[in-house]
Protein backbone atom coordinates (compact mmCIF):
# COMPACT_ATOMS: atom_id res chain seq x y z
CA UNK A 1 -9.64 9.38 1.16
CA UNK A 2 -7.81 6.66 3.60
CA UNK A 3 -4.70 5.52 2.16
CA UNK A 4 -3.00 2.19 3.04
CA UNK A 5 0.00 1.02 2.63
CA UNK A 6 2.74 -0.86 4.92
CA UNK A 7 3.86 -0.05 8.22
CA UNK A 8 7.51 2.10 7.55
CA UNK A 9 5.50 4.18 4.61
CA UNK A 10 2.37 4.69 7.49
CA UNK A 11 5.00 5.92 10.08
CA UNK A 12 6.83 8.16 7.23
CA UNK A 13 3.61 10.10 6.24
CA UNK A 14 2.97 10.20 9.88
CA UNK A 15 5.90 11.78 10.62
CA UNK A 16 5.79 14.38 7.47
CA UNK A 17 2.25 15.06 8.91
CA UNK A 18 3.65 16.03 12.29
CA UNK A 19 1.64 13.18 13.93
CA UNK A 20 -1.73 15.78 13.76
CA UNK A 21 -3.88 13.13 12.08
CA UNK A 22 -4.58 15.28 9.32
CA UNK A 23 -4.00 12.29 6.87
CA UNK A 24 -5.88 8.94 7.55
CA UNK A 25 -3.19 5.76 7.19
CA UNK A 26 -3.67 2.07 7.70
CA UNK A 27 -1.88 -0.61 7.32
CA UNK A 28 -2.80 -2.75 4.80
CA UNK A 29 -1.36 -5.81 6.44
CA UNK A 30 -4.41 -6.58 8.09
CA UNK A 31 -7.15 -6.17 5.39
CA UNK A 32 -8.27 -8.35 2.46
CA UNK A 33 -7.61 -6.79 -0.44
CA UNK A 34 -11.25 -7.10 -1.62
CA UNK A 35 -12.25 -5.07 1.65
CA UNK A 36 -10.28 -2.24 0.56
CA UNK A 37 -12.36 0.25 -1.13
CA UNK A 38 -12.33 4.09 -2.30
CA UNK A 39 -8.60 5.03 -0.95
CA UNK A 40 -5.72 4.83 -2.10
CA UNK A 41 -2.85 2.14 -2.08
CA UNK A 42 0.84 2.50 -1.78
CA UNK A 43 2.97 -0.42 -2.83
CA UNK A 44 6.74 0.13 -2.20
CA UNK A 45 8.36 -2.87 -3.65
CA UNK A 46 11.84 -2.34 -2.37
CA UNK A 47 10.47 -1.95 1.01
CA UNK A 48 8.22 -5.46 1.02
CA UNK A 49 11.22 -7.08 -0.57
CA UNK A 50 13.71 -5.51 2.22
CA UNK A 51 11.15 -6.37 5.10
CA UNK A 52 10.72 -10.09 3.63
CA UNK A 53 14.42 -10.96 3.14
CA UNK A 54 15.62 -9.66 6.38
CA UNK A 55 12.10 -9.84 8.73
CA UNK A 56 10.90 -12.52 7.40
CA UNK A 57 7.85 -9.99 6.75
CA UNK A 58 5.05 -11.97 4.23
CA UNK A 59 4.95 -10.38 1.04
CA UNK A 60 0.97 -9.84 -0.04
CA UNK A 61 -1.01 -11.26 -2.09
CA UNK A 62 -1.79 -8.59 -3.98
CA UNK A 63 1.84 -7.49 -5.11
CA UNK A 64 2.04 -8.55 -8.61
CA UNK A 65 -2.05 -8.84 -9.33
CA UNK A 66 -3.54 -6.16 -7.67
CA UNK A 67 -7.37 -6.26 -8.16
CA UNK A 68 -8.71 -5.06 -11.04
CA UNK A 69 -10.84 -2.10 -9.19
CA UNK A 70 -7.40 -1.09 -8.52
CA UNK A 71 -6.01 1.56 -10.85
CA UNK A 72 -2.38 2.82 -11.22
CA UNK A 73 -2.11 6.39 -10.01
CA UNK A 74 1.78 6.91 -9.78
CA UNK A 75 4.64 4.67 -10.50
CA UNK A 76 8.38 5.43 -9.19
CA UNK A 77 11.11 4.01 -10.28
CA UNK A 78 13.58 3.11 -7.67
CA UNK A 79 16.74 3.03 -6.74
CA UNK A 80 16.36 -1.30 -6.14
CA UNK A 81 14.49 -0.89 -9.42
CA UNK A 82 11.38 -2.73 -7.97
CA UNK A 83 9.45 0.78 -7.51
CA UNK A 84 6.91 2.16 -5.86
CA UNK A 85 3.17 2.62 -7.14
CA UNK A 86 0.18 4.60 -5.77
CA UNK A 87 -3.25 3.19 -6.82
CA UNK A 88 -6.11 4.74 -6.68
CA UNK A 89 -9.24 1.97 -5.63
CA UNK A 90 -12.67 2.33 -6.76
CA UNK A 91 -15.19 1.18 -4.99
CA UNK A 92 -15.23 -2.90 -3.10
CA UNK A 93 -16.05 -6.00 -5.16
CA UNK A 94 -18.33 -8.57 -3.68
CA UNK A 95 -18.26 -12.33 -3.86
CA UNK A 96 -21.02 -14.50 -3.37
């Protein structure tokens, strides 16, 4: 399945993969959350708040209210206590 994450997490996973392109990962910054489906989303709140504070990087709108079709697969507590959450995303939601 495709993985969506912030740019730092994307880079880390690509590095851990040895840049072999064995994993499919994209940045979620360029996506409409309602267009994300049948994938995983990694949300590292520690980094997102850090990037917002230090680089004025926009905080994604889904941070506190993820779409209903995103189910928490795993949540990790972190040093900064914001945590990192991995979502398993079901089918896309279509709006008329």
